[in-house]
């Protein structure tokens, strides 16, 4: 085999060039991971968050996360809040309980008792407690103090031959990025990230 390659340098070059390109691609893709420091701040974000006007809203007020139930939820589904641990790479769900939705009642103001159904006066907005975030200070800036950003984007199949062969794998992913370094967050729900993923903020102190 070696003799054949020596006698046919063009074929040897043709065989070796793709392998060389693969090695160079791997080295280049690893440079940001080696030069850019890892994230230093934990991240808070929500999934399954629709932000309906009369539904559940998640805000950062006075550097504290507040979940506000507007009192007229039409969608029984509630958002889920997650904390990404920058040191371990793990994701933990921040659990909370919503009060039950108001139940429609009937008012019989006519003689035949067939008055159409109406709803009671809706309760005032209520702040839902988050015990796991008690005493946590949050910065809602889009860029963390260490320079990282949170974003949702598409992810095609990533392999060393990604540019040479077609791949049909496609999904949404959540990533932290800074100066070319990308850190993909775990997919907790098993359904990948969609347009209803909501950035909350960076944990500055706890």
Protein backbone atom coordinates (compact mmCIF):
# COMPACT_ATOMS: atom_id res chain seq x y z
CA UNK A 1 0.00 0.00 0.00
CA UNK A 2 2.79 2.42 0.88
CA UNK A 3 4.54 1.64 -2.38
CA UNK A 4 1.34 2.26 -4.31
CA UNK A 5 0.87 5.64 -2.63
CA UNK A 6 4.48 6.65 -3.33
CA UNK A 7 4.04 5.78 -6.97
CA UNK A 8 0.71 7.63 -7.18
CA UNK A 9 1.11 10.90 -5.25
CA UNK A 10 -2.00 12.39 -6.81
CA UNK A 11 -4.18 9.62 -5.40
CA UNK A 12 -2.45 9.91 -2.02
CA UNK A 13 -3.10 13.64 -1.98
CA UNK A 14 -6.75 13.09 -2.92
CA UNK A 15 -7.19 10.63 -0.07
CA UNK A 16 -5.30 12.67 2.49
CA UNK A 17 -6.84 16.09 1.80
CA UNK A 18 -10.32 15.30 3.21
CA UNK A 19 -8.77 13.88 6.37
CA UNK A 20 -6.59 16.96 6.73
CA UNK A 21 -9.63 19.21 6.35
CA UNK A 22 -11.48 17.26 9.03
CA UNK A 23 -8.56 17.64 11.44
CA UNK A 24 -8.32 21.38 10.73
CA UNK A 25 -12.07 21.78 11.23
CA UNK A 26 -11.91 20.03 14.60
CA UNK A 27 -8.98 22.15 15.73
CA UNK A 28 -10.60 25.42 14.65
CA UNK A 29 -13.90 24.54 16.31
CA UNK A 30 -12.07 23.82 19.56
CA UNK A 31 -10.18 27.12 19.70
CA UNK A 32 -13.03 29.21 21.24
CA UNK A 33 -13.52 26.58 23.95
CA UNK A 34 -9.85 26.83 24.84
CA UNK A 35 -9.53 30.62 24.72
CA UNK A 36 -12.91 31.80 26.05
CA UNK A 37 -13.55 31.35 29.78
CA UNK A 38 -16.63 29.30 30.78
CA UNK A 39 -19.76 31.12 32.03
CA UNK A 40 -19.71 32.33 35.62
CA UNK A 41 -23.38 33.17 36.23
CA UNK A 42 -26.38 30.89 36.54
CA UNK A 43 -29.22 31.47 34.10
CA UNK A 44 -32.97 31.59 34.64
CA UNK A 45 -35.36 30.94 31.77
CA UNK A 46 -38.88 29.66 31.21
CA UNK A 47 -40.40 27.19 28.76
CA UNK A 48 -44.03 26.73 27.71
CA UNK A 49 -44.45 30.45 28.37
CA UNK A 50 -47.16 32.18 26.31
CA UNK A 51 -47.48 35.50 28.17
CA UNK A 52 -51.20 35.91 27.60
CA UNK A 53 -52.59 39.26 28.73
CA UNK A 54 -54.81 37.68 31.38
CA UNK A 55 -52.62 34.68 32.08
CA UNK A 56 -49.40 34.09 33.97
CA UNK A 57 -46.63 36.65 33.56
CA UNK A 58 -42.99 36.33 34.60
CA UNK A 59 -41.05 39.51 35.28
CA UNK A 60 -37.93 40.76 37.02
CA UNK A 61 -38.87 43.58 39.39
CA UNK A 62 -36.27 45.21 41.63
CA UNK A 63 -33.87 42.41 40.67
CA UNK A 64 -36.27 39.76 41.93
CA UNK A 65 -38.22 37.25 39.85
CA UNK A 66 -41.97 37.58 40.19
CA UNK A 67 -44.61 35.25 38.81
CA UNK A 68 -47.93 37.08 38.58
CA UNK A 69 -51.25 35.33 38.08
CA UNK A 70 -53.55 37.82 36.35
CA UNK A 71 -56.59 35.89 37.59
CA UNK A 72 -58.24 35.03 34.28
CA UNK A 73 -56.26 32.15 32.84
CA UNK A 74 -57.91 30.64 29.79
CA UNK A 75 -55.12 28.16 29.15
CA UNK A 76 -54.70 25.54 31.90
CA UNK A 77 -51.05 25.02 30.97
CA UNK A 78 -48.57 26.87 33.18
CA UNK A 79 -45.04 27.95 32.32
CA UNK A 80 -42.06 26.09 33.73
CA UNK A 81 -39.04 27.93 35.16
CA UNK A 82 -35.53 26.50 34.98
CA UNK A 83 -32.17 27.34 36.53
CA UNK A 84 -29.03 26.49 34.59
CA UNK A 85 -26.02 25.91 36.86
CA UNK A 86 -22.98 27.44 35.18
CA UNK A 87 -20.49 25.34 37.17
CA UNK A 88 -22.05 21.90 36.71
CA UNK A 89 -24.01 22.37 33.48
CA UNK A 90 -27.08 20.90 35.16
CA UNK A 91 -30.60 22.32 34.89
CA UNK A 92 -33.02 22.41 37.82
CA UNK A 93 -36.73 23.20 37.65
CA UNK A 94 -38.03 25.96 39.92
CA UNK A 95 -41.36 24.58 41.05
CA UNK A 96 -44.36 26.73 41.95
CA UNK A 97 -48.08 26.22 42.41
CA UNK A 98 -50.78 28.31 40.76
CA UNK A 99 -54.14 28.87 42.46
CA UNK A 100 -57.16 27.26 40.78
CA UNK A 101 -58.83 29.14 37.97
CA UNK A 102 -62.14 30.91 38.69
CA UNK A 103 -65.21 28.76 38.08
CA UNK A 104 -68.16 30.20 36.09
CA UNK A 105 -71.40 30.53 38.03
CA UNK A 106 -75.06 31.06 37.05
CA UNK A 107 -77.16 34.01 38.11
CA UNK A 108 -80.91 33.51 37.91
CA UNK A 109 -82.41 36.95 37.64
CA UNK A 110 -85.37 36.08 35.39
CA UNK A 111 -88.64 34.35 36.22
CA UNK A 112 -87.90 31.27 34.15
CA UNK A 113 -84.43 30.82 35.62
CA UNK A 114 -82.78 30.57 32.19
CA UNK A 115 -80.42 33.55 32.53
CA UNK A 116 -77.25 32.99 30.44
CA UNK A 117 -74.09 31.92 32.28
CA UNK A 118 -71.90 34.72 33.60
CA UNK A 119 -68.63 34.74 35.51
CA UNK A 120 -67.97 36.11 38.95
CA UNK A 121 -65.82 39.14 39.33
CA UNK A 122 -62.27 38.07 38.54
CA UNK A 123 -59.80 38.08 41.44
CA UNK A 124 -57.06 40.68 41.55
CA UNK A 125 -53.62 39.72 40.22
CA UNK A 126 -51.64 37.67 42.70
CA UNK A 127 -47.90 37.24 43.13
CA UNK A 128 -46.89 33.58 43.28
CA UNK A 129 -44.11 32.72 45.71
CA UNK A 130 -40.93 31.05 44.49
CA UNK A 131 -39.24 29.48 47.54
CA UNK A 132 -36.26 28.24 45.50
CA UNK A 133 -35.47 31.82 44.43
CA UNK A 134 -35.90 33.45 47.82
CA UNK A 135 -33.08 35.95 48.34
CA UNK A 136 -31.76 35.52 44.78
CA UNK A 137 -30.66 38.68 42.95
CA UNK A 138 -31.32 38.63 39.20
CA UNK A 139 -30.02 40.83 36.39
CA UNK A 140 -32.41 40.87 33.43
CA UNK A 141 -29.87 42.36 31.00
CA UNK A 142 -29.58 40.46 27.74
CA UNK A 143 -25.81 40.10 28.22
CA UNK A 144 -24.41 38.61 31.42
CA UNK A 145 -21.67 40.44 33.34
CA UNK A 146 -19.19 37.89 31.99
CA UNK A 147 -20.25 38.56 28.39
CA UNK A 148 -22.38 35.50 27.65
CA UNK A 149 -25.73 35.71 25.85
CA UNK A 150 -28.72 33.38 25.86
CA UNK A 151 -30.40 32.58 22.57
CA UNK A 152 -32.68 30.10 20.83
CA UNK A 153 -31.69 28.86 17.41
CA UNK A 154 -31.82 25.97 14.99
CA UNK A 155 -29.45 23.05 15.24
CA UNK A 156 -28.67 20.82 12.29
CA UNK A 157 -26.81 17.57 12.63
CA UNK A 158 -23.28 18.26 13.78
CA UNK A 159 -20.64 15.81 12.69
CA UNK A 160 -17.17 16.07 11.21
CA UNK A 161 -18.60 15.57 7.72
CA UNK A 162 -21.37 18.15 8.18
CA UNK A 163 -20.17 20.23 5.25
CA UNK A 164 -19.57 17.23 2.97
CA UNK A 165 -22.75 15.20 3.38
CA UNK A 166 -26.39 16.24 3.65
CA UNK A 167 -28.15 15.62 6.96
CA UNK A 168 -31.86 16.02 7.64
CA UNK A 169 -31.62 16.28 11.44
CA UNK A 170 -33.07 19.56 12.64
CA UNK A 171 -34.22 20.89 15.98
CA UNK A 172 -34.33 23.99 18.13
CA UNK A 173 -31.74 24.46 20.84
CA UNK A 174 -30.95 26.87 23.65
CA UNK A 175 -27.36 28.03 23.86
CA UNK A 176 -25.04 30.33 25.75
CA UNK A 177 -22.54 32.02 23.47
CA UNK A 178 -19.57 34.35 23.73
CA UNK A 179 -16.89 35.20 21.16
CA UNK A 180 -17.48 32.03 19.16
CA UNK A 181 -17.86 29.66 22.09
CA UNK A 182 -21.26 27.96 22.25
CA UNK A 183 -22.62 25.95 25.15
CA UNK A 184 -25.77 24.01 24.41
CA UNK A 185 -28.19 23.68 27.32
CA UNK A 186 -29.76 20.30 28.12
CA UNK A 187 -33.26 19.62 26.84
CA UNK A 188 -35.30 18.98 29.98
CA UNK A 189 -38.78 18.45 28.57
CA UNK A 190 -37.74 16.13 25.73
CA UNK A 191 -39.53 18.34 23.19
CA UNK A 192 -36.67 20.70 22.41
CA UNK A 193 -36.92 24.47 22.65
CA UNK A 194 -39.55 26.37 20.73
CA UNK A 195 -40.59 29.98 20.25
CA UNK A 196 -42.23 30.07 23.68
CA UNK A 197 -38.92 29.85 25.54
CA UNK A 198 -38.49 33.02 27.60
CA UNK A 199 -35.26 34.51 28.94
CA UNK A 200 -35.60 35.71 32.56
CA UNK A 201 -32.16 36.78 33.73
CA UNK A 202 -28.77 36.02 35.24
CA UNK A 203 -28.32 35.17 38.91
CA UNK A 204 -25.90 37.71 40.34
CA UNK A 205 -26.01 36.56 43.95
CA UNK A 206 -27.94 34.09 46.06
